PDB file of N, CA and C in Angstrom:
ATOM      1  N   MET A   1     -68.666  40.666 -27.426  1.00  0.00           N
ATOM      2  CA  MET A   1     -67.583  39.726 -27.551  1.00  0.00           C
ATOM      3  C   MET A   1     -67.988  38.358 -26.728  1.00  0.00           C
ATOM      4  N   ASN A   2     -68.458  38.572 -25.472  1.00  0.00           N
ATOM      5  CA  ASN A   2     -68.739  37.520 -24.737  1.00  0.00           C
ATOM      6  C   ASN A   2     -70.043  36.688 -24.915  1.00  0.00           C
ATOM      7  N   GLY A   3     -71.015  37.200 -25.708  1.00  0.00           N
ATOM      8  CA  GLY A   3     -72.268  36.608 -26.139  1.00  0.00           C
ATOM      9  C   GLY A   3     -73.229  36.559 -25.058  1.00  0.00           C
ATOM     10  N   ASN A   4     -74.217  35.787 -25.070  1.00  0.00           N
ATOM     11  CA  ASN A   4     -75.299  35.609 -24.130  1.00  0.00           C
ATOM     12  C   ASN A   4     -74.880  34.588 -22.932  1.00  0.00           C
ATOM     13  N   PRO A   5     -74.831  35.064 -21.871  1.00  0.00           N
ATOM     14  CA  PRO A   5     -74.256  34.183 -20.818  1.00  0.00           C
ATOM     15  C   PRO A   5     -75.253  32.886 -20.484  1.00  0.00           C
ATOM     16  N   THR A   6     -76.486  32.938 -20.802  1.00  0.00           N
ATOM     17  CA  THR A   6     -77.330  31.818 -20.915  1.00  0.00           C
ATOM     18  C   THR A   6     -76.758  30.600 -21.832  1.00  0.00           C
ATOM     19  N   TYR A   7     -76.291  30.772 -22.917  1.00  0.00           N
ATOM     20  CA  TYR A   7     -75.738  29.999 -23.694  1.00  0.00           C
ATOM     21  C   TYR A   7     -74.467  29.359 -23.049  1.00  0.00           C
ATOM     22  N   HIS A   8     -73.738  30.087 -22.517  1.00  0.00           N
ATOM     23  CA  HIS A   8     -72.453  29.452 -21.928  1.00  0.00           C
ATOM     24  C   HIS A   8     -72.684  28.766 -20.564  1.00  0.00           C
ATOM     25  N   ALA A   9     -73.750  29.207 -19.875  1.00  0.00           N
ATOM     26  CA  ALA A   9     -74.412  28.435 -18.479  1.00  0.00           C
ATOM     27  C   ALA A   9     -74.797  26.857 -19.019  1.00  0.00           C
ATOM     28  N   ILE A  10     -75.611  27.031 -20.100  1.00  0.00           N
ATOM     29  CA  ILE A  10     -76.110  25.772 -20.447  1.00  0.00           C
ATOM     30  C   ILE A  10     -75.085  24.843 -21.068  1.00  0.00           C
ATOM     31  N   ALA A  11     -74.212  25.435 -21.833  1.00  0.00           N
ATOM     32  CA  ALA A  11     -73.141  24.573 -22.392  1.00  0.00           C
ATOM     33  C   ALA A  11     -72.257  23.954 -21.292  1.00  0.00           C
ATOM     34  N   LEU A  12     -71.952  24.769 -20.242  1.00  0.00           N
ATOM     35  CA  LEU A  12     -71.214  24.341 -19.128  1.00  0.00           C
ATOM     36  C   LEU A  12     -71.961  23.416 -18.181  1.00  0.00           C
ATOM     37  N   ALA A  13     -73.131  23.419 -18.008  1.00  0.00           N
ATOM     38  CA  ALA A  13     -73.982  22.409 -17.372  1.00  0.00           C
ATOM     39  C   ALA A  13     -73.992  21.281 -18.136  1.00  0.00           C
ATOM     40  N   ALA A  14     -74.220  21.104 -19.212  1.00  0.00           N
ATOM     41  CA  ALA A  14     -74.248  19.878 -20.110  1.00  0.00           C
ATOM     42  C   ALA A  14     -72.948  19.286 -20.208  1.00  0.00           C
ATOM     43  N   GLY A  15     -71.708  20.026 -20.407  1.00  0.00           N
ATOM     44  CA  GLY A  15     -70.453  19.396 -20.317  1.00  0.00           C
ATOM     45  C   GLY A  15     -70.207  18.789 -18.804  1.00  0.00           C
ATOM     46  N   THR A  16     -70.631  19.545 -17.916  1.00  0.00           N
ATOM     47  CA  THR A  16     -70.222  19.106 -16.606  1.00  0.00           C
ATOM     48  C   THR A  16     -71.104  17.818 -16.296  1.00  0.00           C
ATOM     49  N   LEU A  17     -72.141  17.692 -16.780  1.00  0.00           N
ATOM     50  CA  LEU A  17     -73.070  16.415 -16.598  1.00  0.00           C
ATOM     51  C   LEU A  17     -72.539  15.184 -17.441  1.00  0.00           C
ATOM     52  N   LEU A  18     -71.923  15.507 -18.645  1.00  0.00           N
ATOM     53  CA  LEU A  18     -71.634  14.561 -19.561  1.00  0.00           C
ATOM     54  C   LEU A  18     -70.044  13.991 -19.164  1.00  0.00           C
ATOM     55  N   VAL A  19     -69.249  15.053 -18.765  1.00  0.00           N
ATOM     56  CA  VAL A  19     -67.696  14.828 -18.767  1.00  0.00           C
ATOM     57  C   VAL A  19     -67.333  14.391 -17.214  1.00  0.00           C
ATOM     58  N   LEU A  20     -67.813  15.204 -16.214  1.00  0.00           N
ATOM     59  CA  LEU A  20     -67.203  15.125 -15.164  1.00  0.00           C
ATOM     60  C   LEU A  20     -67.414  13.664 -14.305  1.00  0.00           C
ATOM     61  N   PRO A  21     -68.528  13.082 -14.306  1.00  0.00           N
ATOM     62  CA  PRO A  21     -68.852  12.074 -13.401  1.00  0.00           C
ATOM     63  C   PRO A  21     -67.884  10.810 -13.544  1.00  0.00           C
ATOM     64  N   VAL A  22     -67.475  10.243 -14.988  1.00  0.00           N
ATOM     65  CA  VAL A  22     -66.745   9.158 -15.120  1.00  0.00           C
ATOM     66  C   VAL A  22     -65.421   9.319 -14.438  1.00  0.00           C
ATOM     67  N   PRO A  23     -64.581  10.526 -14.676  1.00  0.00           N
ATOM     68  CA  PRO A  23     -63.194  10.599 -14.174  1.00  0.00           C
ATOM     69  C   PRO A  23     -63.392  10.707 -12.496  1.00  0.00           C
ATOM     70  N   LEU A  24     -64.290  11.134 -12.121  1.00  0.00           N
ATOM     71  CA  LEU A  24     -64.577  11.337 -10.660  1.00  0.00           C
ATOM     72  C   LEU A  24     -64.896   9.930 -10.001  1.00  0.00           C
ATOM     73  N   VAL A  25     -65.451   9.038 -10.696  1.00  0.00           N
ATOM     74  CA  VAL A  25     -65.650   7.726 -10.066  1.00  0.00           C
ATOM     75  C   VAL A  25     -64.412   6.899 -10.426  1.00  0.00           C
ATOM     76  N   ILE A  26     -63.641   7.166 -11.417  1.00  0.00           N
ATOM     77  CA  ILE A  26     -62.558   6.446 -11.678  1.00  0.00           C
ATOM     78  C   ILE A  26     -61.614   6.682 -10.515  1.00  0.00           C
ATOM     79  N   LEU A  27     -61.481   7.814 -10.381  1.00  0.00           N
ATOM     80  CA  LEU A  27     -60.559   8.304  -9.145  1.00  0.00           C
ATOM     81  C   LEU A  27     -61.001   7.842  -7.683  1.00  0.00           C
ATOM     82  N   THR A  28     -62.203   7.435  -7.653  1.00  0.00           N
ATOM     83  CA  THR A  28     -62.610   6.857  -6.152  1.00  0.00           C
ATOM     84  C   THR A  28     -62.482   5.336  -6.181  1.00  0.00           C
ATOM     85  N   GLY A  29     -62.002   4.789  -7.486  1.00  0.00           N
ATOM     86  CA  GLY A  29     -61.583   3.342  -7.498  1.00  0.00           C
ATOM     87  C   GLY A  29     -62.513   2.456  -8.482  1.00  0.00           C
ATOM     88  N   TRP A  30     -63.532   2.873  -8.990  1.00  0.00           N
ATOM     89  CA  TRP A  30     -64.257   2.133  -9.919  1.00  0.00           C
ATOM     90  C   TRP A  30     -63.409   2.298 -11.351  1.00  0.00           C
ATOM     91  N   THR A  31     -63.435   1.121 -12.109  1.00  0.00           N
ATOM     92  CA  THR A  31     -62.762   1.217 -13.284  1.00  0.00           C
ATOM     93  C   THR A  31     -63.755   0.478 -14.376  1.00  0.00           C
ATOM     94  N   PRO A  32     -63.985   1.320 -15.688  1.00  0.00           N
ATOM     95  CA  PRO A  32     -64.913   0.909 -16.600  1.00  0.00           C
ATOM     96  C   PRO A  32     -64.495  -0.374 -17.122  1.00  0.00           C
ATOM     97  N   ARG A  33     -65.431  -1.021 -17.746  1.00  0.00           N
ATOM     98  CA  ARG A  33     -65.356  -2.647 -18.270  1.00  0.00           C
ATOM     99  C   ARG A  33     -64.177  -2.480 -19.324  1.00  0.00           C
ATOM    100  N   GLY A  34     -64.248  -1.412 -20.147  1.00  0.00           N
ATOM    101  CA  GLY A  34     -62.986  -1.272 -21.185  1.00  0.00           C
ATOM    102  C   GLY A  34     -61.764  -1.128 -20.786  1.00  0.00           C
ATOM    103  N   LEU A  35     -61.450  -0.684 -19.580  1.00  0.00           N
ATOM    104  CA  LEU A  35     -60.055  -0.154 -19.029  1.00  0.00           C
ATOM    105  C   LEU A  35     -59.835  -1.383 -18.031  1.00  0.00           C
ATOM    106  N   ARG A  36     -60.504  -2.484 -17.735  1.00  0.00           N
ATOM    107  CA  ARG A  36     -60.327  -3.586 -16.565  1.00  0.00           C
ATOM    108  C   ARG A  36     -59.014  -3.906 -16.734  1.00  0.00           C
ATOM    109  N   GLY A  37     -58.442  -4.299 -17.870  1.00  0.00           N
ATOM    110  CA  GLY A  37     -57.101  -4.989 -18.186  1.00  0.00           C
ATOM    111  C   GLY A  37     -56.033  -3.807 -17.923  1.00  0.00           C
ATOM    112  N   ARG A  38     -56.341  -2.762 -18.101  1.00  0.00           N
ATOM    113  CA  ARG A  38     -55.536  -1.572 -17.982  1.00  0.00           C
ATOM    114  C   ARG A  38     -55.855  -0.788 -16.637  1.00  0.00           C
ATOM    115  N   GLN A  39     -55.949  -1.381 -15.451  1.00  0.00           N
ATOM    116  CA  GLN A  39     -56.544  -0.792 -14.473  1.00  0.00           C
ATOM    117  C   GLN A  39     -55.455   0.460 -13.861  1.00  0.00           C
ATOM    118  N   LEU A  40     -54.354   0.026 -14.009  1.00  0.00           N
ATOM    119  CA  LEU A  40     -53.193   1.033 -13.504  1.00  0.00           C
ATOM    120  C   LEU A  40     -53.366   2.286 -14.219  1.00  0.00           C
ATOM    121  N   ALA A  41     -53.712   2.335 -15.489  1.00  0.00           N
ATOM    122  CA  ALA A  41     -53.722   3.175 -16.424  1.00  0.00           C
ATOM    123  C   ALA A  41     -55.014   4.072 -16.291  1.00  0.00           C
ATOM    124  N   ALA A  42     -55.994   3.608 -15.767  1.00  0.00           N
ATOM    125  CA  ALA A  42     -57.165   4.291 -15.582  1.00  0.00           C
ATOM    126  C   ALA A  42     -57.207   5.622 -14.701  1.00  0.00           C
ATOM    127  N   ARG A  43     -56.393   5.802 -13.773  1.00  0.00           N
ATOM    128  CA  ARG A  43     -56.180   7.028 -13.138  1.00  0.00           C
ATOM    129  C   ARG A  43     -55.645   8.010 -13.830  1.00  0.00           C
ATOM    130  N   PRO A  44     -54.441   7.786 -14.434  1.00  0.00           N
ATOM    131  CA  PRO A  44     -53.850   8.896 -15.452  1.00  0.00           C
ATOM    132  C   PRO A  44     -54.877   9.377 -16.568  1.00  0.00           C
ATOM    133  N   TYR A  45     -55.714   8.365 -17.049  1.00  0.00           N
ATOM    134  CA  TYR A  45     -56.645   8.914 -18.045  1.00  0.00           C
ATOM    135  C   TYR A  45     -57.760   9.646 -17.262  1.00  0.00           C
ATOM    136  N   ALA A  46     -58.098   9.349 -16.118  1.00  0.00           N
ATOM    137  CA  ALA A  46     -59.223  10.270 -15.533  1.00  0.00           C
ATOM    138  C   ALA A  46     -58.545  11.635 -15.042  1.00  0.00           C
ATOM    139  N   TRP A  47     -57.278  11.691 -14.866  1.00  0.00           N
ATOM    140  CA  TRP A  47     -56.714  12.946 -14.659  1.00  0.00           C
ATOM    141  C   TRP A  47     -56.646  13.723 -15.851  1.00  0.00           C
ATOM    142  N   ALA A  48     -56.351  13.099 -16.897  1.00  0.00           N
ATOM    143  CA  ALA A  48     -56.409  13.828 -18.375  1.00  0.00           C
ATOM    144  C   ALA A  48     -57.799  14.271 -18.813  1.00  0.00           C
ATOM    145  N   VAL A  49     -58.844  13.576 -18.312  1.00  0.00           N
ATOM    146  CA  VAL A  49     -60.180  14.009 -18.510  1.00  0.00           C
ATOM    147  C   VAL A  49     -60.607  15.347 -17.851  1.00  0.00           C
ATOM    148  N   LEU A  50     -60.107  15.290 -16.488  1.00  0.00           N
ATOM    149  CA  LEU A  50     -60.411  16.288 -15.618  1.00  0.00           C
ATOM    150  C   LEU A  50     -59.706  17.622 -16.158  1.00  0.00           C
ATOM    151  N   CYS A  51     -58.322  17.331 -16.771  1.00  0.00           N
ATOM    152  CA  CYS A  51     -57.637  18.454 -17.146  1.00  0.00           C
ATOM    153  C   CYS A  51     -58.377  19.119 -18.539  1.00  0.00           C
ATOM    154  N   PHE A  52     -58.787  18.197 -19.428  1.00  0.00           N
ATOM    155  CA  PHE A  52     -59.552  18.753 -20.535  1.00  0.00           C
ATOM    156  C   PHE A  52     -61.041  19.265 -20.107  1.00  0.00           C
ATOM    157  N   TYR A  53     -61.606  18.758 -18.841  1.00  0.00           N
ATOM    158  CA  TYR A  53     -62.784  19.447 -18.549  1.00  0.00           C
ATOM    159  C   TYR A  53     -62.551  20.823 -17.940  1.00  0.00           C
ATOM    160  N   THR A  54     -61.243  21.216 -17.377  1.00  0.00           N
ATOM    161  CA  THR A  54     -61.091  22.304 -16.793  1.00  0.00           C
ATOM    162  C   THR A  54     -61.230  23.584 -17.799  1.00  0.00           C
ATOM    163  N   LEU A  55     -61.086  23.186 -19.036  1.00  0.00           N
ATOM    164  CA  LEU A  55     -61.129  24.112 -20.110  1.00  0.00           C
ATOM    165  C   LEU A  55     -62.648  24.635 -20.054  1.00  0.00           C
ATOM    166  N   MET A  56     -63.617  23.851 -19.920  1.00  0.00           N
ATOM    167  CA  MET A  56     -65.016  24.355 -20.082  1.00  0.00           C
ATOM    168  C   MET A  56     -65.134  25.433 -19.146  1.00  0.00           C
ATOM    169  N   PRO A  57     -64.860  25.427 -17.709  1.00  0.00           N
ATOM    170  CA  PRO A  57     -65.186  26.643 -16.864  1.00  0.00           C
ATOM    171  C   PRO A  57     -64.290  27.598 -17.234  1.00  0.00           C
ATOM    172  N   LEU A  58     -63.074  27.496 -17.748  1.00  0.00           N
ATOM    173  CA  LEU A  58     -61.986  28.343 -17.883  1.00  0.00           C
ATOM    174  C   LEU A  58     -62.598  29.410 -18.981  1.00  0.00           C
ATOM    175  N   ASN A  59     -63.032  28.655 -19.875  1.00  0.00           N
ATOM    176  CA  ASN A  59     -63.547  29.704 -21.174  1.00  0.00           C
ATOM    177  C   ASN A  59     -65.056  29.958 -20.841  1.00  0.00           C
ATOM    178  N   ALA A  60     -66.020  29.374 -20.241  1.00  0.00           N
ATOM    179  CA  ALA A  60     -67.350  29.768 -19.925  1.00  0.00           C
ATOM    180  C   ALA A  60     -67.542  30.908 -18.830  1.00  0.00           C
ATOM    181  N   VAL A  61     -66.827  30.736 -17.714  1.00  0.00           N
ATOM    182  CA  VAL A  61     -67.106  31.588 -16.467  1.00  0.00           C
ATOM    183  C   VAL A  61     -66.952  33.098 -16.833  1.00  0.00           C
ATOM    184  N   PRO A  62     -65.706  33.286 -17.377  1.00  0.00           N
ATOM    185  CA  PRO A  62     -65.390  34.766 -17.839  1.00  0.00           C
ATOM    186  C   PRO A  62     -66.148  35.417 -18.645  1.00  0.00           C
ATOM    187  N   ARG A  63     -66.854  34.463 -19.723  1.00  0.00           N
ATOM    188  CA  ARG A  63     -67.761  35.112 -20.630  1.00  0.00           C
ATOM    189  C   ARG A  63     -69.117  35.280 -19.983  1.00  0.00           C
ATOM    190  N   MET A  64     -69.371  34.401 -19.027  1.00  0.00           N
ATOM    191  CA  MET A  64     -70.705  34.524 -18.264  1.00  0.00           C
ATOM    192  C   MET A  64     -70.612  35.630 -17.503  1.00  0.00           C
ATOM    193  N   LEU A  65     -69.584  35.912 -16.759  1.00  0.00           N
ATOM    194  CA  LEU A  65     -69.353  37.299 -16.040  1.00  0.00           C
ATOM    195  C   LEU A  65     -69.161  38.515 -16.724  1.00  0.00           C
ATOM    196  N   ASP A  66     -69.173  38.233 -18.141  1.00  0.00           N
ATOM    197  CA  ASP A  66     -68.893  39.579 -18.976  1.00  0.00           C
ATOM    198  C   ASP A  66     -67.543  40.171 -18.585  1.00  0.00           C
ATOM    199  N   ALA A  67     -66.498  39.412 -18.637  1.00  0.00           N
ATOM    200  CA  ALA A  67     -65.326  40.089 -18.350  1.00  0.00           C
ATOM    201  C   ALA A  67     -64.654  40.628 -19.464  1.00  0.00           C
ATOM    202  N   SER A  68     -63.616  41.436 -19.216  1.00  0.00           N
ATOM    203  CA  SER A  68     -62.771  42.129 -20.287  1.00  0.00           C
ATOM    204  C   SER A  68     -62.096  41.125 -21.124  1.00  0.00           C
ATOM    205  N   ALA A  69     -61.897  41.770 -22.241  1.00  0.00           N
ATOM    206  CA  ALA A  69     -61.139  40.822 -23.478  1.00  0.00           C
ATOM    207  C   ALA A  69     -59.869  40.272 -22.910  1.00  0.00           C
ATOM    208  N   ASP A  70     -59.284  40.893 -22.048  1.00  0.00           N
ATOM    209  CA  ASP A  70     -57.811  40.607 -21.460  1.00  0.00           C
ATOM    210  C   ASP A  70     -58.011  39.583 -20.685  1.00  0.00           C
ATOM    211  N   ALA A  71     -59.027  39.517 -19.753  1.00  0.00           N
ATOM    212  CA  ALA A  71     -59.358  38.470 -18.893  1.00  0.00           C
ATOM    213  C   ALA A  71     -59.904  37.313 -19.476  1.00  0.00           C
ATOM    214  N   VAL A  72     -60.449  37.334 -20.550  1.00  0.00           N
ATOM    215  CA  VAL A  72     -61.169  36.110 -21.174  1.00  0.00           C
ATOM    216  C   VAL A  72     -59.837  35.641 -22.026  1.00  0.00           C
ATOM    217  N   MET A  73     -58.884  36.382 -22.494  1.00  0.00           N
ATOM    218  CA  MET A  73     -57.697  35.970 -23.045  1.00  0.00           C
ATOM    219  C   MET A  73     -56.901  35.364 -22.174  1.00  0.00           C
ATOM    220  N   ALA A  74     -56.553  35.754 -20.964  1.00  0.00           N
ATOM    221  CA  ALA A  74     -55.636  35.248 -20.121  1.00  0.00           C
ATOM    222  C   ALA A  74     -56.369  33.831 -19.629  1.00  0.00           C
ATOM    223  N   CYS A  75     -57.613  33.599 -19.400  1.00  0.00           N
ATOM    224  CA  CYS A  75     -58.203  32.269 -19.195  1.00  0.00           C
ATOM    225  C   CYS A  75     -57.897  31.458 -20.401  1.00  0.00           C
ATOM    226  N   THR A  76     -58.034  31.892 -21.540  1.00  0.00           N
ATOM    227  CA  THR A  76     -57.939  30.903 -22.738  1.00  0.00           C
ATOM    228  C   THR A  76     -56.416  30.570 -22.922  1.00  0.00           C
ATOM    229  N   VAL A  77     -55.513  31.513 -22.390  1.00  0.00           N
ATOM    230  CA  VAL A  77     -54.032  30.959 -22.332  1.00  0.00           C
ATOM    231  C   VAL A  77     -53.683  30.135 -21.353  1.00  0.00           C
ATOM    232  N   LEU A  78     -54.369  30.132 -20.110  1.00  0.00           N
ATOM    233  CA  LEU A  78     -54.158  29.313 -19.123  1.00  0.00           C
ATOM    234  C   LEU A  78     -54.695  27.788 -19.385  1.00  0.00           C
ATOM    235  N   GLY A  79     -55.568  28.018 -20.223  1.00  0.00           N
ATOM    236  CA  GLY A  79     -56.301  26.702 -20.720  1.00  0.00           C
ATOM    237  C   GLY A  79     -55.036  25.833 -21.507  1.00  0.00           C
ATOM    238  N   PHE A  80     -54.265  26.538 -22.082  1.00  0.00           N
ATOM    239  CA  PHE A  80     -53.069  25.482 -22.818  1.00  0.00           C
ATOM    240  C   PHE A  80     -52.326  24.917 -21.807  1.00  0.00           C
ATOM    241  N   VAL A  81     -52.091  25.322 -20.670  1.00  0.00           N
ATOM    242  CA  VAL A  81     -51.322  24.790 -19.613  1.00  0.00           C
ATOM    243  C   VAL A  81     -51.923  23.452 -19.133  1.00  0.00           C
ATOM    244  N   PHE A  82     -53.404  23.492 -18.960  1.00  0.00           N
ATOM    245  CA  PHE A  82     -54.068  22.237 -18.799  1.00  0.00           C
ATOM    246  C   PHE A  82     -54.184  21.434 -19.968  1.00  0.00           C
ATOM    247  N   ILE A  83     -54.113  21.836 -21.208  1.00  0.00           N
ATOM    248  CA  ILE A  83     -53.991  20.829 -22.145  1.00  0.00           C
ATOM    249  C   ILE A  83     -52.547  20.121 -22.119  1.00  0.00           C
ATOM    250  N   ALA A  84     -51.534  20.889 -21.814  1.00  0.00           N
ATOM    251  CA  ALA A  84     -50.212  20.055 -21.617  1.00  0.00           C
ATOM    252  C   ALA A  84     -50.126  19.296 -20.595  1.00  0.00           C
ATOM    253  N   ALA A  85     -50.951  19.451 -19.508  1.00  0.00           N
ATOM    254  CA  ALA A  85     -50.937  18.534 -18.421  1.00  0.00           C
ATOM    255  C   ALA A  85     -51.879  17.209 -18.843  1.00  0.00           C
ATOM    256  N   ALA A  86     -52.897  17.430 -19.605  1.00  0.00           N
ATOM    257  CA  ALA A  86     -53.583  16.356 -19.996  1.00  0.00           C
ATOM    258  C   ALA A  86     -52.836  15.337 -20.954  1.00  0.00           C
ATOM    259  N   VAL A  87     -52.083  16.125 -21.762  1.00  0.00           N
ATOM    260  CA  VAL A  87     -51.182  15.217 -22.752  1.00  0.00           C
ATOM    261  C   VAL A  87     -50.211  14.663 -22.004  1.00  0.00           C
ATOM    262  N   GLY A  88     -49.604  15.345 -20.832  1.00  0.00           N
ATOM    263  CA  GLY A  88     -48.626  14.533 -19.975  1.00  0.00           C
ATOM    264  C   GLY A  88     -49.406  13.323 -19.160  1.00  0.00           C
ATOM    265  N   CYS A  89     -50.490  13.425 -18.841  1.00  0.00           N
ATOM    266  CA  CYS A  89     -51.434  12.420 -18.400  1.00  0.00           C
ATOM    267  C   CYS A  89     -51.670  11.266 -19.193  1.00  0.00           C
ATOM    268  N   CYS A  90     -52.034  11.563 -20.623  1.00  0.00           N
ATOM    269  CA  CYS A  90     -52.091  10.467 -21.537  1.00  0.00           C
ATOM    270  C   CYS A  90     -50.878   9.707 -21.698  1.00  0.00           C
ATOM    271  N   ILE A  91     -49.748  10.397 -21.891  1.00  0.00           N
ATOM    272  CA  ILE A  91     -48.513   9.715 -21.897  1.00  0.00           C
ATOM    273  C   ILE A  91     -47.966   8.853 -20.898  1.00  0.00           C
ATOM    274  N   GLN A  92     -48.364   9.425 -19.650  1.00  0.00           N
ATOM    275  CA  GLN A  92     -48.146   8.427 -18.447  1.00  0.00           C
ATOM    276  C   GLN A  92     -49.017   7.278 -18.389  1.00  0.00           C
ATOM    277  N   ALA A  93     -50.384   7.351 -18.724  1.00  0.00           N
ATOM    278  CA  ALA A  93     -51.248   6.171 -18.919  1.00  0.00           C
ATOM    279  C   ALA A  93     -50.568   5.189 -19.792  1.00  0.00           C
ATOM    280  N   GLU A  94     -50.187   5.806 -21.031  1.00  0.00           N
ATOM    281  CA  GLU A  94     -49.678   4.777 -22.062  1.00  0.00           C
ATOM    282  C   GLU A  94     -48.422   3.824 -21.501  1.00  0.00           C
ATOM    283  N   ARG A  95     -47.447   4.701 -20.895  1.00  0.00           N
ATOM    284  CA  ARG A  95     -46.272   4.105 -20.236  1.00  0.00           C
ATOM    285  C   ARG A  95     -46.663   3.295 -19.222  1.00  0.00           C
ATOM    286  N   THR A  96     -47.633   3.394 -18.185  1.00  0.00           N
ATOM    287  CA  THR A  96     -47.978   2.532 -17.506  1.00  0.00           C
ATOM    288  C   THR A  96     -48.641   1.338 -17.731  1.00  0.00           C
ATOM    289  N   ALA A  97     -49.633   1.406 -19.012  1.00  0.00           N
ATOM    290  CA  ALA A  97     -50.180   0.079 -19.652  1.00  0.00           C
ATOM    291  C   ALA A  97     -49.102  -0.621 -20.194  1.00  0.00           C
ATOM    292  N   ARG A  98     -47.967   0.069 -20.801  1.00  0.00           N
ATOM    293  CA  ARG A  98     -46.999  -0.722 -21.359  1.00  0.00           C
ATOM    294  C   ARG A  98     -46.168  -1.513 -20.332  1.00  0.00           C
ATOM    295  N   ARG A  99     -45.843  -0.877 -19.357  1.00  0.00           N
ATOM    296  CA  ARG A  99     -45.168  -1.648 -18.437  1.00  0.00           C
ATOM    297  C   ARG A  99     -45.989  -2.683 -17.810  1.00  0.00           C
ATOM    298  N   ALA A 100     -47.197  -2.684 -17.404  1.00  0.00           N
ATOM    299  CA  ALA A 100     -48.060  -3.518 -16.862  1.00  0.00           C
ATOM    300  C   ALA A 100     -48.310  -4.970 -17.811  1.00  0.00           C
ATOM    301  N   GLY A 101     -47.985  -4.616 -19.045  1.00  0.00           N
ATOM    302  CA  GLY A 101     -48.009  -5.793 -20.103  1.00  0.00           C
ATOM    303  C   GLY A 101     -49.189  -5.764 -20.568  1.00  0.00           C
ATOM    304  N   PRO A 102     -49.483  -6.783 -21.699  1.00  0.00           N
ATOM    305  CA  PRO A 102     -50.476  -6.550 -22.496  1.00  0.00           C
ATOM    306  C   PRO A 102     -51.786  -6.759 -22.038  1.00  0.00           C
ATOM    307  N   LYS A 103     -53.026  -6.220 -22.690  1.00  0.00           N
ATOM    308  CA  LYS A 103     -54.281  -6.183 -22.015  1.00  0.00           C
ATOM    309  C   LYS A 103     -54.686  -7.716 -21.987  1.00  0.00           C
ATOM    310  N   GLN A 104     -55.137  -8.099 -20.622  1.00  0.00           N
ATOM    311  CA  GLN A 104     -55.670  -9.540 -20.724  1.00  0.00           C
ATOM    312  C   GLN A 104     -57.192  -9.396 -21.067  1.00  0.00           C
ATOM    313  N   VAL A 105     -57.432 -10.517 -21.795  1.00  0.00           N
ATOM    314  CA  VAL A 105     -59.038 -10.566 -22.089  1.00  0.00           C
ATOM    315  C   VAL A 105     -59.576 -11.583 -21.208  1.00  0.00           C
ATOM    316  N   ALA A 106     -60.595 -10.907 -20.885  1.00  0.00           N
ATOM    317  CA  ALA A 106     -61.377 -11.733 -19.653  1.00  0.00           C
ATOM    318  C   ALA A 106     -62.658 -12.420 -20.061  1.00  0.00           C
TER     319      ALA A 106
END
């Protein structure tokens, strides 16, 4: 059921390199050019991406460790909590952006 752990490790490493750096630098204070007008909303978007990123190790690590089907299913179900948190962060970002006013064109 769990497949080859090498494939899961490669996918997790690639996902980490592609997804993780941008939200982390946003949370440290940097804002991408496309979000400069929505600077207040950038942090909730970063938290949403981190919540989505959490799904990667939640699904890959139990399979890499050849965990039981129940453990894999429990981690998959826990992933829905992070999906709900990400949706909440996206909603918060939109509300913050609307309260701040229209996007200013620089």
